[in-house]
Every structure is written in structure tokens, then in C-alpha cells.
Amino acid sequence: MVGFPPESEPQDIRAYAKQAKAHNTHRAYDADWRDFEKYLKKLGRSALPASPDDVARYLRNLIERRRLKIATVTRRLAAIADKHKGNGCDSPCDDWVVKNTLRRLRAEYGHPSHGKAPLVTKDLKRLLGVVPPTLVGARDRAILLLGFAGAMRRSDIVNLDFQDLALAPEGLVVSIKKGKTDQARKGRKIGIPYGTNESTCPVRAVIHWLELTGIVDGPLFRGITKHGALRTERLSNQVVAIIVKQYLKVLGESATRFSAHSLRAGFITAAAVAGVPDRIIQDQSGHKSIMTLRRYIRDACIFRTNAASKVGL
């Protein structure tokens, strides 16, 4: 007879529950908490539990003295709340003084988030024009085209395995196992259709990469040694941004406004300008919130659907 495991100790239960968050979130929260502890240690005060006044004082220090962005401060606050709740303490972040301090800081120091510039279709074609006909170039071409056509986050791209691809008459069916907003690992499938131009077709680019490397298992996108040997480990998230930026530099363009996210933003922008309905774009991008998606679409269509152009000026 198979028995049940023994009852866990309270600390084991909390350690298990802690793993509900993604690894990157844990890493950011841990760094944020260490900074908060260091700040209060200098003041000779307790960080766990912390008083609401000390949390409010810390928020002002981050903005007024250290000039951090509101988004970073908000994440620091979330880390403080999470640490308290994870240790069975009431969160000081729910207190009136903390909430209203953050509200005033937002009003006085907040500014619109501009994000990264989108790489729309014409920009992507220019990038592809300087990708070399090498093994590295074949990989980078497949990453750029698949990331764009799938409106993928950089983590979606590098987490793909060979088994996540299925060839269909119309193109590739790609299984996204886990996304930023899919911590429950439900997964989803997206279609990547054949392109009309062979040189910019995402499906042909992926197939070419597989033919060159002979990959039939494991990570789809991997590193390549300086001697041209294929590595077994998957690429890190940061490599996608490096790929985007390096080809922009080859073109003589400033790369500071662009990142891996520019591929995702570029697809959404291009699709919106082409008149693709919001829901269809959302199916490809995987946005949980249509309101978040519409931030991209508003920017893309700022002139295409502009009321000022219809009033006879």
C-alpha cells in the first residue's frame, strides 16, 4: 500500500508556496528585499516586520534621492509585501501612509512609459539584409523571423524545443509551453504561415536552421562556438536582444531604443496598421488583457484613425 508523505513543517509549506512565482521574479524580489534590509539597517530599524512609516520613508528615498523610476519603486514595494506575507507577517504596504506616499510620488515624479521602439516589417527586412550566410546567420534569421511572426517574448523564443514545432500544409504550428502570463503552464498554440517572399519566410528560415544543424531533439536555438560547433545548451534571454542590437549597429542605426521586445511590438504595430482586428492580433500575441494590447495599437494607429483629419482643417 502506498502511503502519503508525512505532514510538512510550516517552513516547508511556505517554501513550496514560494515556488509559485517565476524564477526571474524571485531573483528580482530577492535583490529588492536585500536593498530594503540594507537601508533599514543603516537606520538601526527592523526590516521584518517593518513599520509602515519606514516603508514610506524608503519609497521617498528611492525616488527623491536615488532617482529610481516609479515602476522600479512599485516592484520594490511588491517585494516587501511578498516577504512579509511569506513569513506570516502582516504587510505594512497595505497601510494608509504607504499607499498615499506612493500615490503622491506617482503624481509628482511619474512620467509616461515610452518602452522600446517597434521593429515593423520594413525595419525587419533591412535587418535581414545584413544577416550573413553563415550558421550563426541562419540561427539569427530564424530567431528574428519566428519571433516577429509569432509576436513572441524573448523567453518564448529561447524556451522553444524541437518537439514544440509541427509542420502543417499552411506553415508551422508552434506550442508555447509557458509564457509570462501563463504561470499555470496551460500552454497555447500559434500558427506561423509561410511567407510570400522566400528570403523573409519564417517557416523556411526555421527549416533551414534545422537542416543545417540536424537538431531533432532538445533546445531549438543554441549557442555556436567560435569554431562553428553547435552547443547543446539553449540560448539565454539576453541573446535575443543582443542579436537585434548587433544588426542595427551594422546598419549604422542607434540600438538604444530597441530590444528583443521590439520584434513583438513591431508585429503588433504592423498588424494594427494593416487593419487586423484586435482579437486576431491577441490570438497571436497571447495578451491576456485586450487593454494592454491596445496600448500598442493606439500608437500604431495614431494617424490612421485620427479624428482631427476628419474635421476639415
Protein backbone atom coordinates (compact mmCIF):
# COMPACT_ATOMS: atom_id res chain seq x y z
CA MET A 1 0.00 0.00 0.00
CA VAL A 2 1.38 3.40 -0.99
CA GLY A 3 1.41 5.83 1.93
CA PHE A 4 1.05 9.59 1.87
CA PRO A 5 4.14 11.68 2.65
CA PRO A 6 4.42 12.94 6.23
CA GLU A 7 2.94 16.30 7.12
CA SER A 8 5.27 19.17 6.17
CA GLU A 9 6.64 21.64 8.64
CA PRO A 10 5.32 25.22 8.30
CA GLN A 11 8.60 26.41 6.75
CA ASP A 12 8.36 23.60 4.18
CA ILE A 13 4.82 24.63 3.30
CA ARG A 14 5.89 28.24 2.75
CA ALA A 15 8.93 27.19 0.70
CA TYR A 16 6.64 25.13 -1.52
CA ALA A 17 4.19 28.01 -1.97
CA LYS A 18 7.05 30.38 -2.77
CA GLN A 19 7.82 28.44 -5.95
CA ALA A 20 4.52 29.62 -7.47
CA LYS A 21 6.37 32.66 -8.81
CA ALA A 22 8.67 32.56 -11.81
CA HIS A 23 12.44 32.30 -11.28
CA ASN A 24 13.12 35.80 -12.63
CA THR A 25 10.52 37.25 -10.27
CA HIS A 26 12.18 35.52 -7.31
CA ARG A 27 15.58 36.86 -8.32
CA ALA A 28 14.26 40.43 -8.65
CA TYR A 29 12.35 40.25 -5.37
CA ASP A 30 15.39 38.89 -3.51
CA ALA A 31 17.55 41.76 -4.77
CA ASP A 32 14.84 44.28 -3.87
CA TRP A 33 14.50 42.86 -0.37
CA ARG A 34 18.26 42.99 0.25
CA ASP A 35 18.24 46.67 -0.70
CA PHE A 36 15.38 47.38 1.72
CA GLU A 37 17.15 45.49 4.52
CA LYS A 38 20.35 47.43 3.90
CA TYR A 39 18.50 50.74 4.03
CA LEU A 40 16.81 49.98 7.35
CA LYS A 41 19.99 48.51 8.85
CA LYS A 42 21.66 51.89 8.38
CA LEU A 43 18.79 53.45 10.32
CA GLY A 44 19.01 50.79 13.03
CA ARG A 45 15.48 49.57 12.32
CA SER A 46 13.83 46.20 11.76
CA ALA A 47 13.01 45.12 8.22
CA LEU A 48 10.88 42.12 9.21
CA PRO A 49 8.42 43.16 10.31
CA ALA A 50 8.84 46.71 9.09
CA SER A 51 6.73 49.66 10.14
CA PRO A 52 4.56 51.42 7.56
CA ASP A 53 6.36 54.70 8.26
CA ASP A 54 9.73 53.11 7.47
CA VAL A 55 8.40 51.68 4.21
CA ALA A 56 7.03 55.11 3.22
CA ARG A 57 10.37 56.70 4.14
CA TYR A 58 12.16 54.13 1.96
CA LEU A 59 9.91 54.88 -1.02
CA ARG A 60 10.69 58.59 -0.81
CA ASN A 61 14.41 57.81 -0.57
CA LEU A 62 14.23 55.72 -3.75
CA ILE A 63 12.54 58.49 -5.72
CA GLU A 64 13.81 61.75 -4.22
CA ARG A 65 17.43 60.80 -3.54
CA ARG A 66 18.20 57.80 -5.76
CA ARG A 67 16.04 58.91 -8.69
CA LEU A 68 14.65 55.47 -9.45
CA LYS A 69 11.66 55.07 -11.75
CA ILE A 70 8.15 54.66 -10.38
CA ALA A 71 7.91 51.20 -11.97
CA THR A 72 11.02 50.06 -10.08
CA VAL A 73 9.72 51.51 -6.81
CA THR A 74 6.39 49.74 -7.28
CA ARG A 75 8.20 46.43 -7.75
CA ARG A 76 10.28 47.09 -4.59
CA LEU A 77 7.03 47.59 -2.71
CA ALA A 78 5.66 44.31 -4.06
CA ALA A 79 8.84 42.54 -2.90
CA ILE A 80 8.48 43.96 0.60
CA ALA A 81 4.84 42.87 0.77
CA ASP A 82 5.69 39.40 -0.53
CA LYS A 83 8.48 38.93 2.02
CA HIS A 84 6.18 39.82 4.90
CA LYS A 85 3.31 37.62 3.75
CA GLY A 86 5.70 34.74 3.01
CA ASN A 87 6.91 34.89 6.61
CA GLY A 88 3.45 35.07 8.16
CA CYS A 89 3.59 38.81 8.90
CA ASP A 90 1.03 41.49 8.10
CA SER A 91 2.19 43.57 5.17
CA PRO A 92 2.99 47.20 6.05
CA CYS A 93 2.43 48.04 2.38
CA ASP A 94 -1.35 47.97 2.90
CA ASP A 95 -1.17 50.87 5.36
CA TRP A 96 -2.65 54.28 4.56
CA VAL A 97 0.67 56.13 4.82
CA VAL A 98 2.39 53.78 2.35
CA LYS A 99 -0.42 53.86 -0.22
CA ASN A 100 -0.73 57.64 -0.13
CA THR A 101 3.03 58.19 -0.20
CA LEU A 102 3.20 56.11 -3.38
CA ARG A 103 0.20 57.95 -4.82
CA ARG A 104 1.87 61.35 -4.25
CA LEU A 105 5.21 60.14 -5.63
CA ARG A 106 3.43 58.94 -8.78
CA ALA A 107 1.75 62.32 -9.18
CA GLU A 108 4.96 64.32 -8.66
CA TYR A 109 7.59 62.13 -10.31
CA GLY A 110 5.74 59.78 -12.62
CA HIS A 111 6.01 60.13 -16.38
CA PRO A 112 4.64 58.16 -19.33
CA SER A 113 6.39 54.93 -20.16
CA HIS A 114 7.79 55.02 -23.69
CA GLY A 115 9.01 51.44 -23.83
CA LYS A 116 11.12 50.13 -26.69
CA ALA A 117 10.62 51.14 -30.30
CA PRO A 118 8.88 48.59 -32.54
CA LEU A 119 10.66 46.92 -35.45
CA VAL A 120 7.98 46.90 -38.13
CA THR A 121 8.13 44.83 -41.32
CA LYS A 122 10.25 47.26 -43.35
CA ASP A 123 12.73 47.56 -40.47
CA LEU A 124 12.96 43.80 -40.10
CA LYS A 125 13.64 43.38 -43.83
CA ARG A 126 16.51 45.86 -43.57
CA LEU A 127 17.94 43.87 -40.66
CA LEU A 128 17.68 40.62 -42.57
CA GLY A 129 19.58 42.22 -45.43
CA VAL A 130 22.78 42.32 -43.32
CA VAL A 131 22.47 38.86 -41.74
CA PRO A 132 25.43 36.81 -43.04
CA PRO A 133 25.04 33.46 -44.88
CA THR A 134 26.69 31.55 -42.02
CA LEU A 135 25.49 29.09 -39.39
CA VAL A 136 25.17 31.93 -36.90
CA GLY A 137 23.34 33.96 -39.52
CA ALA A 138 20.90 31.10 -40.20
CA ARG A 139 20.11 30.90 -36.50
CA ASP A 140 19.71 34.66 -36.13
CA ARG A 141 17.47 34.86 -39.23
CA ALA A 142 15.21 32.12 -37.82
CA ILE A 143 15.07 33.86 -34.43
CA LEU A 144 14.22 37.26 -35.90
CA LEU A 145 11.54 35.97 -38.27
CA LEU A 146 9.94 33.49 -35.89
CA GLY A 147 9.99 35.98 -33.00
CA PHE A 148 8.34 38.60 -35.20
CA ALA A 149 5.72 36.41 -36.91
CA GLY A 150 4.79 34.78 -33.60
CA ALA A 151 4.75 38.11 -31.69
CA MET A 152 6.87 36.25 -29.14
CA ARG A 153 8.51 37.40 -25.98
CA ARG A 154 12.21 36.66 -25.82
CA SER A 155 11.60 33.97 -23.21
CA ASP A 156 9.10 32.30 -25.58
CA ILE A 157 11.76 32.18 -28.30
CA VAL A 158 14.62 30.73 -26.28
CA ASN A 159 12.42 28.23 -24.41
CA LEU A 160 11.31 26.53 -27.62
CA ASP A 161 12.32 22.89 -28.11
CA PHE A 162 12.32 20.91 -31.35
CA GLN A 163 9.28 19.00 -30.05
CA ASP A 164 7.33 22.25 -29.87
CA LEU A 165 7.22 22.51 -33.66
CA ALA A 166 4.83 20.72 -36.01
CA LEU A 167 4.82 21.20 -39.78
CA ALA A 168 1.42 21.76 -41.38
CA PRO A 169 0.46 22.42 -45.04
CA GLU A 170 0.00 26.11 -44.21
CA GLY A 171 3.17 26.51 -42.16
CA LEU A 172 4.41 25.78 -38.64
CA VAL A 173 2.32 25.10 -35.55
CA VAL A 174 4.31 26.30 -32.54
CA SER A 175 3.47 25.23 -29.00
CA ILE A 176 4.31 27.86 -26.37
CA LYS A 177 4.70 25.79 -23.22
CA LYS A 178 4.81 28.60 -20.71
CA GLY A 179 4.55 32.34 -21.10
CA LYS A 180 4.97 35.36 -18.84
CA THR A 181 1.23 35.40 -18.13
CA ASP A 182 0.86 31.60 -18.13
CA GLN A 183 2.42 30.55 -14.84
CA ALA A 184 -0.07 27.66 -14.63
CA ARG A 185 1.63 26.16 -17.71
CA LYS A 186 -1.58 25.69 -19.68
CA GLY A 187 0.31 26.46 -22.87
CA ARG A 188 -1.07 27.61 -26.20
CA LYS A 189 -0.51 27.04 -29.91
CA ILE A 190 0.09 29.61 -32.60
CA GLY A 191 0.30 29.30 -36.37
CA ILE A 192 3.26 30.65 -38.33
CA PRO A 193 2.22 30.76 -42.01
CA TYR A 194 4.59 30.55 -44.95
CA GLY A 195 5.74 33.96 -46.13
CA THR A 196 5.16 35.13 -49.70
CA ASN A 197 8.85 36.02 -50.04
CA GLU A 198 11.28 33.13 -49.60
CA SER A 199 14.02 35.31 -48.09
CA THR A 200 11.72 36.61 -45.35
CA CYS A 201 9.67 33.47 -44.72
CA PRO A 202 9.79 32.45 -41.04
CA VAL A 203 8.87 28.83 -41.79
CA ARG A 204 11.62 28.35 -44.38
CA ALA A 205 14.11 30.09 -42.07
CA VAL A 206 13.40 27.64 -39.24
CA ILE A 207 13.51 24.63 -41.57
CA HIS A 208 16.84 25.82 -43.00
CA TRP A 209 18.27 26.16 -39.47
CA LEU A 210 17.16 22.62 -38.61
CA GLU A 211 18.61 21.22 -41.83
CA LEU A 212 21.97 22.87 -41.22
CA THR A 213 22.25 21.73 -37.61
CA GLY A 214 20.50 18.37 -37.69
CA ILE A 215 18.61 19.23 -34.50
CA VAL A 216 15.94 16.61 -33.82
CA ASP A 217 15.62 16.97 -30.05
CA GLY A 218 16.10 19.46 -27.24
CA PRO A 219 16.52 23.25 -27.43
CA LEU A 220 15.68 24.78 -30.79
CA PHE A 221 18.03 27.75 -30.57
CA ARG A 222 21.53 27.19 -29.20
CA GLY A 223 24.89 28.83 -28.97
CA ILE A 224 27.63 28.29 -31.53
CA THR A 225 31.34 28.18 -30.69
CA LYS A 226 33.87 30.43 -32.43
CA HIS A 227 34.92 27.35 -34.39
CA GLY A 228 31.37 26.85 -35.70
CA ALA A 229 30.40 23.94 -33.45
CA LEU A 230 26.82 23.75 -32.20
CA ARG A 231 26.41 23.82 -28.43
CA THR A 232 23.86 21.71 -26.56
CA GLU A 233 22.60 24.45 -24.21
CA ARG A 234 19.73 26.77 -25.14
CA LEU A 235 20.35 30.49 -25.55
CA SER A 236 19.69 32.88 -22.69
CA ASN A 237 17.01 35.58 -22.89
CA GLN A 238 19.61 38.30 -23.28
CA VAL A 239 20.99 36.87 -26.54
CA VAL A 240 17.81 37.77 -28.45
CA ALA A 241 18.28 41.44 -27.56
CA ILE A 242 21.97 41.23 -28.49
CA ILE A 243 21.04 39.81 -31.91
CA VAL A 244 18.58 42.66 -32.59
CA LYS A 245 21.05 45.34 -31.49
CA GLN A 246 24.09 43.96 -33.33
CA TYR A 247 22.38 44.03 -36.72
CA LEU A 248 21.05 47.53 -36.09
CA LYS A 249 24.64 48.62 -35.45
CA VAL A 250 25.73 47.00 -38.71
CA LEU A 251 23.13 49.21 -40.42
CA GLY A 252 24.56 52.23 -38.62
CA GLU A 253 21.40 52.70 -36.55
CA SER A 254 21.24 53.60 -32.86
CA ALA A 255 20.35 50.43 -30.94
CA THR A 256 19.50 52.06 -27.60
CA ARG A 257 15.78 52.39 -28.39
CA PHE A 258 15.41 48.77 -29.48
CA SER A 259 15.42 45.40 -27.72
CA ALA A 260 14.13 41.86 -28.14
CA HIS A 261 10.68 43.24 -27.32
CA SER A 262 10.87 45.34 -30.50
CA LEU A 263 10.05 42.20 -32.51
CA ARG A 264 6.83 41.60 -30.57
CA ALA A 265 5.89 45.28 -30.58
CA GLY A 266 6.73 45.51 -34.27
CA PHE A 267 4.40 42.67 -35.24
CA ILE A 268 1.51 44.14 -33.25
CA THR A 269 2.14 47.57 -34.78
CA ALA A 270 2.36 46.22 -38.34
CA ALA A 271 -0.76 44.08 -37.90
CA ALA A 272 -2.75 47.01 -36.48
CA VAL A 273 -1.74 49.30 -39.35
CA ALA A 274 -2.78 46.54 -41.78
CA GLY A 275 -6.25 46.60 -40.23
CA VAL A 276 -6.11 43.23 -38.47
CA PRO A 277 -8.83 43.11 -35.74
CA ASP A 278 -7.66 43.37 -32.13
CA ARG A 279 -8.86 39.87 -31.21
CA ILE A 280 -6.95 38.27 -34.07
CA ILE A 281 -3.76 40.07 -33.03
CA GLN A 282 -4.40 38.98 -29.45
CA ASP A 283 -4.66 35.34 -30.53
CA GLN A 284 -1.12 35.56 -31.93
CA SER A 285 0.47 37.68 -29.20
CA GLY A 286 -1.17 35.86 -26.29
CA HIS A 287 -2.01 39.04 -24.39
CA LYS A 288 -4.36 38.26 -21.53
CA SER A 289 -5.65 41.82 -21.45
CA ILE A 290 -7.04 43.47 -24.56
CA MET A 291 -6.38 46.83 -22.87
CA THR A 292 -2.64 46.10 -22.69
CA LEU A 293 -2.65 45.15 -26.36
CA ARG A 294 -4.44 48.37 -27.30
CA ARG A 295 -1.58 50.45 -25.94
CA TYR A 296 0.47 49.24 -28.90
CA ILE A 297 -2.44 49.63 -31.30
CA ARG A 298 -3.18 53.23 -30.23
CA ASP A 299 0.41 54.21 -31.01
CA ALA A 300 0.34 52.39 -34.34
CA CYS A 301 -2.93 53.97 -35.46
CA ILE A 302 -2.42 57.46 -34.06
CA PHE A 303 -2.83 58.96 -37.55
CA ARG A 304 -4.69 56.19 -39.41
CA THR A 305 -7.81 56.68 -37.24
CA ASN A 306 -7.32 60.30 -36.22
CA ALA A 307 -10.44 62.39 -35.63
CA ALA A 308 -8.57 65.62 -36.39
CA SER A 309 -8.13 64.54 -40.01
CA LYS A 310 -11.92 64.42 -40.48
CA VAL A 311 -12.91 67.90 -39.34
CA GLY A 312 -11.96 69.88 -42.46
CA LEU A 313 -8.80 71.66 -41.33
